[in-house]
Amino acid sequence: MNAIAPGIIASSMSEAAFTKAMIDQLVPMKRAGTPDEVADLAGYLASERAGYISGQIISINGAMI
């Protein structure tokens, strides 16, 4: 099993919780991720190309620590 650990992803919920200034301070890439970026990662992990990846927690968070 693999898991996806998203950081701040652009959505109505995150927009209510994080200002642009907060995102700039928290996220080294200076932006929220997009739902499409998370979906692309999920699609990759579900594909045969990721068949040898196992037991991983993959962060998708713009380099947040």
PDB file of N, CA and C in Angstrom:
ATOM      1  N   MET A   1       0.836  -1.177   0.000  1.00  0.00           N
ATOM      2  CA  MET A   1       0.000   0.000   0.000  1.00  0.00           C
ATOM      3  C   MET A   1       0.879   1.237   0.000  1.00  0.00           C
ATOM      4  N   ASN A   2       0.458   2.224  -0.726  1.00  0.00           N
ATOM      5  CA  ASN A   2       1.103   3.535  -0.736  1.00  0.00           C
ATOM      6  C   ASN A   2       0.088   4.566  -0.284  1.00  0.00           C
ATOM      7  N   ALA A   3       0.589   5.686   0.227  1.00  0.00           N
ATOM      8  CA  ALA A   3      -0.307   6.758   0.687  1.00  0.00           C
ATOM      9  C   ALA A   3       0.179   8.090   0.127  1.00  0.00           C
ATOM     10  N   ILE A   4      -0.762   8.979  -0.116  1.00  0.00           N
ATOM     11  CA  ILE A   4      -0.463  10.337  -0.560  1.00  0.00           C
ATOM     12  C   ILE A   4      -0.729  11.280   0.608  1.00  0.00           C
ATOM     13  N   ALA A   5       0.259  12.110   0.925  1.00  0.00           N
ATOM     14  CA  ALA A   5       0.143  13.062   2.035  1.00  0.00           C
ATOM     15  C   ALA A   5       0.194  14.485   1.469  1.00  0.00           C
ATOM     16  N   PRO A   6      -0.970  15.054   1.126  1.00  0.00           N
ATOM     17  CA  PRO A   6      -0.968  16.397   0.541  1.00  0.00           C
ATOM     18  C   PRO A   6      -0.738  17.480   1.585  1.00  0.00           C
ATOM     19  N   GLY A   7      -0.125  18.549   1.119  1.00  0.00           N
ATOM     20  CA  GLY A   7       0.013  19.744   1.938  1.00  0.00           C
ATOM     21  C   GLY A   7      -1.175  20.654   1.687  1.00  0.00           C
ATOM     22  N   ILE A   8      -0.905  21.928   1.473  1.00  0.00           N
ATOM     23  CA  ILE A   8      -1.982  22.890   1.209  1.00  0.00           C
ATOM     24  C   ILE A   8      -2.365  22.771  -0.267  1.00  0.00           C
ATOM     25  N   ILE A   9      -3.595  22.342  -0.507  1.00  0.00           N
ATOM     26  CA  ILE A   9      -4.097  22.163  -1.862  1.00  0.00           C
ATOM     27  C   ILE A   9      -5.216  23.177  -2.090  1.00  0.00           C
ATOM     28  N   ALA A  10      -5.162  23.864  -3.213  1.00  0.00           N
ATOM     29  CA  ALA A  10      -6.150  24.909  -3.523  1.00  0.00           C
ATOM     30  C   ALA A  10      -7.566  24.326  -3.533  1.00  0.00           C
ATOM     31  N   SER A  11      -8.393  24.869  -2.676  1.00  0.00           N
ATOM     32  CA  SER A  11      -9.799  24.466  -2.578  1.00  0.00           C
ATOM     33  C   SER A  11     -10.534  25.547  -1.803  1.00  0.00           C
ATOM     34  N   SER A  12     -11.846  25.477  -1.794  1.00  0.00           N
ATOM     35  CA  SER A  12     -12.596  26.476  -1.024  1.00  0.00           C
ATOM     36  C   SER A  12     -12.268  26.367   0.462  1.00  0.00           C
ATOM     37  N   MET A  13     -12.015  25.156   0.944  1.00  0.00           N
ATOM     38  CA  MET A  13     -11.685  24.982   2.357  1.00  0.00           C
ATOM     39  C   MET A  13     -10.316  25.588   2.680  1.00  0.00           C
ATOM     40  N   SER A  14      -9.310  25.345   1.833  1.00  0.00           N
ATOM     41  CA  SER A  14      -7.983  25.893   2.122  1.00  0.00           C
ATOM     42  C   SER A  14      -7.959  27.411   1.942  1.00  0.00           C
ATOM     43  N   GLU A  15      -8.736  27.922   0.994  1.00  0.00           N
ATOM     44  CA  GLU A  15      -8.789  29.374   0.803  1.00  0.00           C
ATOM     45  C   GLU A  15      -9.363  30.071   2.030  1.00  0.00           C
ATOM     46  N   ALA A  16     -10.270  29.407   2.729  1.00  0.00           N
ATOM     47  CA  ALA A  16     -10.833  29.978   3.956  1.00  0.00           C
ATOM     48  C   ALA A  16      -9.851  29.891   5.119  1.00  0.00           C
ATOM     49  N   ALA A  17      -8.897  28.952   5.047  1.00  0.00           N
ATOM     50  CA  ALA A  17      -7.987  28.726   6.164  1.00  0.00           C
ATOM     51  C   ALA A  17      -6.629  29.401   6.002  1.00  0.00           C
ATOM     52  N   PHE A  18      -6.191  29.627   4.754  1.00  0.00           N
ATOM     53  CA  PHE A  18      -4.844  30.143   4.511  1.00  0.00           C
ATOM     54  C   PHE A  18      -4.886  31.355   3.596  1.00  0.00           C
ATOM     55  N   THR A  19      -4.288  32.452   4.042  1.00  0.00           N
ATOM     56  CA  THR A  19      -4.133  33.625   3.179  1.00  0.00           C
ATOM     57  C   THR A  19      -2.934  33.399   2.259  1.00  0.00           C
ATOM     58  N   LYS A  20      -2.825  34.207   1.222  1.00  0.00           N
ATOM     59  CA  LYS A  20      -1.671  34.126   0.328  1.00  0.00           C
ATOM     60  C   LYS A  20      -0.382  34.353   1.113  1.00  0.00           C
ATOM     61  N   ALA A  21      -0.400  35.280   2.049  1.00  0.00           N
ATOM     62  CA  ALA A  21       0.792  35.556   2.863  1.00  0.00           C
ATOM     63  C   ALA A  21       1.178  34.343   3.699  1.00  0.00           C
ATOM     64  N   MET A  22       0.197  33.649   4.242  1.00  0.00           N
ATOM     65  CA  MET A  22       0.486  32.446   5.030  1.00  0.00           C
ATOM     66  C   MET A  22       1.091  31.358   4.145  1.00  0.00           C
ATOM     67  N   ILE A  23       0.530  31.186   2.964  1.00  0.00           N
ATOM     68  CA  ILE A  23       1.057  30.182   2.042  1.00  0.00           C
ATOM     69  C   ILE A  23       2.488  30.531   1.651  1.00  0.00           C
ATOM     70  N   ASP A  24       2.752  31.800   1.363  1.00  0.00           N
ATOM     71  CA  ASP A  24       4.107  32.230   1.016  1.00  0.00           C
ATOM     72  C   ASP A  24       5.091  31.931   2.137  1.00  0.00           C
ATOM     73  N   GLN A  25       4.640  32.064   3.374  1.00  0.00           N
ATOM     74  CA  GLN A  25       5.506  31.811   4.529  1.00  0.00           C
ATOM     75  C   GLN A  25       5.698  30.313   4.776  1.00  0.00           C
ATOM     76  N   LEU A  26       4.661  29.521   4.578  1.00  0.00           N
ATOM     77  CA  LEU A  26       4.712  28.096   4.912  1.00  0.00           C
ATOM     78  C   LEU A  26       5.254  27.206   3.795  1.00  0.00           C
ATOM     79  N   VAL A  27       5.023  27.594   2.555  1.00  0.00           N
ATOM     80  CA  VAL A  27       5.329  26.726   1.415  1.00  0.00           C
ATOM     81  C   VAL A  27       6.508  27.304   0.627  1.00  0.00           C
ATOM     82  N   PRO A  28       7.647  26.607   0.590  1.00  0.00           N
ATOM     83  CA  PRO A  28       8.794  27.128  -0.145  1.00  0.00           C
ATOM     84  C   PRO A  28       8.516  27.420  -1.625  1.00  0.00           C
ATOM     85  N   MET A  29       7.595  26.699  -2.247  1.00  0.00           N
ATOM     86  CA  MET A  29       7.258  26.965  -3.652  1.00  0.00           C
ATOM     87  C   MET A  29       6.310  28.151  -3.811  1.00  0.00           C
ATOM     88  N   LYS A  30       5.895  28.745  -2.694  1.00  0.00           N
ATOM     89  CA  LYS A  30       5.100  29.988  -2.683  1.00  0.00           C
ATOM     90  C   LYS A  30       3.733  29.882  -3.346  1.00  0.00           C
ATOM     91  N   ARG A  31       3.134  28.678  -3.317  1.00  0.00           N
ATOM     92  CA  ARG A  31       1.787  28.527  -3.862  1.00  0.00           C
ATOM     93  C   ARG A  31       1.172  27.266  -3.283  1.00  0.00           C
ATOM     94  N   ALA A  32      -0.138  27.201  -3.350  1.00  0.00           N
ATOM     95  CA  ALA A  32      -0.839  25.969  -2.985  1.00  0.00           C
ATOM     96  C   ALA A  32      -0.748  25.003  -4.155  1.00  0.00           C
ATOM     97  N   GLY A  33      -0.801  23.722  -3.849  1.00  0.00           N
ATOM     98  CA  GLY A  33      -0.863  22.719  -4.909  1.00  0.00           C
ATOM     99  C   GLY A  33      -2.240  22.728  -5.540  1.00  0.00           C
ATOM    100  N   THR A  34      -2.364  22.029  -6.635  1.00  0.00           N
ATOM    101  CA  THR A  34      -3.662  21.955  -7.300  1.00  0.00           C
ATOM    102  C   THR A  34      -4.241  20.552  -7.155  1.00  0.00           C
ATOM    103  N   PRO A  35      -5.557  20.452  -7.186  1.00  0.00           N
ATOM    104  CA  PRO A  35      -6.169  19.121  -7.166  1.00  0.00           C
ATOM    105  C   PRO A  35      -5.669  18.242  -8.316  1.00  0.00           C
ATOM    106  N   ASP A  36      -5.415  18.844  -9.476  1.00  0.00           N
ATOM    107  CA  ASP A  36      -4.909  18.069 -10.613  1.00  0.00           C
ATOM    108  C   ASP A  36      -3.535  17.470 -10.331  1.00  0.00           C
ATOM    109  N   GLU A  37      -2.699  18.196  -9.601  1.00  0.00           N
ATOM    110  CA  GLU A  37      -1.378  17.651  -9.260  1.00  0.00           C
ATOM    111  C   GLU A  37      -1.504  16.431  -8.352  1.00  0.00           C
ATOM    112  N   VAL A  38      -2.424  16.489  -7.401  1.00  0.00           N
ATOM    113  CA  VAL A  38      -2.657  15.340  -6.529  1.00  0.00           C
ATOM    114  C   VAL A  38      -3.253  14.184  -7.338  1.00  0.00           C
ATOM    115  N   ALA A  39      -4.186  14.490  -8.214  1.00  0.00           N
ATOM    116  CA  ALA A  39      -4.804  13.456  -9.053  1.00  0.00           C
ATOM    117  C   ALA A  39      -3.773  12.805  -9.969  1.00  0.00           C
ATOM    118  N   ASP A  40      -2.849  13.589 -10.500  1.00  0.00           N
ATOM    119  CA  ASP A  40      -1.793  13.023 -11.353  1.00  0.00           C
ATOM    120  C   ASP A  40      -0.929  12.046 -10.568  1.00  0.00           C
ATOM    121  N   LEU A  41      -0.594  12.397  -9.342  1.00  0.00           N
ATOM    122  CA  LEU A  41       0.185  11.487  -8.498  1.00  0.00           C
ATOM    123  C   LEU A  41      -0.596  10.215  -8.202  1.00  0.00           C
ATOM    124  N   ALA A  42      -1.866  10.352  -7.875  1.00  0.00           N
ATOM    125  CA  ALA A  42      -2.703   9.175  -7.603  1.00  0.00           C
ATOM    126  C   ALA A  42      -2.799   8.288  -8.836  1.00  0.00           C
ATOM    127  N   GLY A  43      -2.970   8.892  -9.996  1.00  0.00           N
ATOM    128  CA  GLY A  43      -3.036   8.133 -11.236  1.00  0.00           C
ATOM    129  C   GLY A  43      -1.746   7.382 -11.508  1.00  0.00           C
ATOM    130  N   TYR A  44      -0.630   8.044 -11.259  1.00  0.00           N
ATOM    131  CA  TYR A  44       0.660   7.389 -11.444  1.00  0.00           C
ATOM    132  C   TYR A  44       0.802   6.202 -10.497  1.00  0.00           C
ATOM    133  N   LEU A  45       0.474   6.399  -9.231  1.00  0.00           N
ATOM    134  CA  LEU A  45       0.610   5.311  -8.259  1.00  0.00           C
ATOM    135  C   LEU A  45      -0.303   4.131  -8.577  1.00  0.00           C
ATOM    136  N   ALA A  46      -1.425   4.407  -9.222  1.00  0.00           N
ATOM    137  CA  ALA A  46      -2.357   3.343  -9.591  1.00  0.00           C
ATOM    138  C   ALA A  46      -1.979   2.662 -10.907  1.00  0.00           C
ATOM    139  N   SER A  47      -0.992   3.222 -11.596  1.00  0.00           N
ATOM    140  CA  SER A  47      -0.616   2.670 -12.895  1.00  0.00           C
ATOM    141  C   SER A  47       0.431   1.564 -12.753  1.00  0.00           C
ATOM    142  N   GLU A  48       0.599   0.835 -13.823  1.00  0.00           N
ATOM    143  CA  GLU A  48       1.616  -0.214 -13.839  1.00  0.00           C
ATOM    144  C   GLU A  48       3.025   0.350 -13.783  1.00  0.00           C
ATOM    145  N   ARG A  49       3.200   1.610 -14.185  1.00  0.00           N
ATOM    146  CA  ARG A  49       4.530   2.231 -14.135  1.00  0.00           C
ATOM    147  C   ARG A  49       5.047   2.349 -12.706  1.00  0.00           C
ATOM    148  N   ALA A  50       4.148   2.354 -11.734  1.00  0.00           N
ATOM    149  CA  ALA A  50       4.543   2.450 -10.324  1.00  0.00           C
ATOM    150  C   ALA A  50       4.475   1.088  -9.643  1.00  0.00           C
ATOM    151  N   GLY A  51       4.504   0.035 -10.427  1.00  0.00           N
ATOM    152  CA  GLY A  51       4.327  -1.312  -9.897  1.00  0.00           C
ATOM    153  C   GLY A  51       5.351  -1.742  -8.865  1.00  0.00           C
ATOM    154  N   TYR A  52       6.514  -1.127  -8.834  1.00  0.00           N
ATOM    155  CA  TYR A  52       7.566  -1.531  -7.899  1.00  0.00           C
ATOM    156  C   TYR A  52       7.645  -0.597  -6.690  1.00  0.00           C
ATOM    157  N   ILE A  53       6.769   0.380  -6.616  1.00  0.00           N
ATOM    158  CA  ILE A  53       6.711   1.279  -5.456  1.00  0.00           C
ATOM    159  C   ILE A  53       5.769   0.650  -4.444  1.00  0.00           C
ATOM    160  N   SER A  54       6.263   0.463  -3.237  1.00  0.00           N
ATOM    161  CA  SER A  54       5.455  -0.222  -2.229  1.00  0.00           C
ATOM    162  C   SER A  54       5.748   0.326  -0.836  1.00  0.00           C
ATOM    163  N   GLY A  55       4.689   0.515  -0.066  1.00  0.00           N
ATOM    164  CA  GLY A  55       4.843   0.920   1.332  1.00  0.00           C
ATOM    165  C   GLY A  55       5.359   2.325   1.529  1.00  0.00           C
ATOM    166  N   GLN A  56       5.011   3.238   0.640  1.00  0.00           N
ATOM    167  CA  GLN A  56       5.528   4.605   0.723  1.00  0.00           C
ATOM    168  C   GLN A  56       4.447   5.598   1.097  1.00  0.00           C
ATOM    169  N   ILE A  57       4.850   6.619   1.827  1.00  0.00           N
ATOM    170  CA  ILE A  57       4.012   7.793   2.057  1.00  0.00           C
ATOM    171  C   ILE A  57       4.643   8.904   1.233  1.00  0.00           C
ATOM    172  N   ILE A  58       3.941   9.347   0.221  1.00  0.00           N
ATOM    173  CA  ILE A  58       4.499  10.333  -0.707  1.00  0.00           C
ATOM    174  C   ILE A  58       3.868  11.690  -0.424  1.00  0.00           C
ATOM    175  N   SER A  59       4.718  12.624   0.000  1.00  0.00           N
ATOM    176  CA  SER A  59       4.259  13.985   0.277  1.00  0.00           C
ATOM    177  C   SER A  59       4.183  14.761  -1.024  1.00  0.00           C
ATOM    178  N   ILE A  60       3.127  15.529  -1.160  1.00  0.00           N
ATOM    179  CA  ILE A  60       2.974  16.439  -2.293  1.00  0.00           C
ATOM    180  C   ILE A  60       2.589  17.776  -1.678  1.00  0.00           C
ATOM    181  N   ASN A  61       3.625  18.570  -1.355  1.00  0.00           N
ATOM    182  CA  ASN A  61       3.401  19.716  -0.472  1.00  0.00           C
ATOM    183  C   ASN A  61       4.243  20.941  -0.790  1.00  0.00           C
ATOM    184  N   GLY A  62       4.816  21.027  -1.974  1.00  0.00           N
ATOM    185  CA  GLY A  62       5.572  22.224  -2.329  1.00  0.00           C
ATOM    186  C   GLY A  62       6.830  22.427  -1.523  1.00  0.00           C
ATOM    187  N   ALA A  63       7.406  21.346  -1.022  1.00  0.00           N
ATOM    188  CA  ALA A  63       8.655  21.335  -0.258  1.00  0.00           C
ATOM    189  C   ALA A  63       8.485  21.782   1.198  1.00  0.00           C
ATOM    190  N   MET A  64       7.248  21.715   1.708  1.00  0.00           N
ATOM    191  CA  MET A  64       7.041  22.039   3.126  1.00  0.00           C
ATOM    192  C   MET A  64       7.779  21.013   3.983  1.00  0.00           C
ATOM    193  N   ILE A  65       8.263  21.442   5.105  1.00  0.00           N
ATOM    194  CA  ILE A  65       8.941  20.528   6.029  1.00  0.00           C
ATOM    195  C   ILE A  65       7.953  19.999   7.034  1.00  0.00           C
TER     196      ILE A  65
END
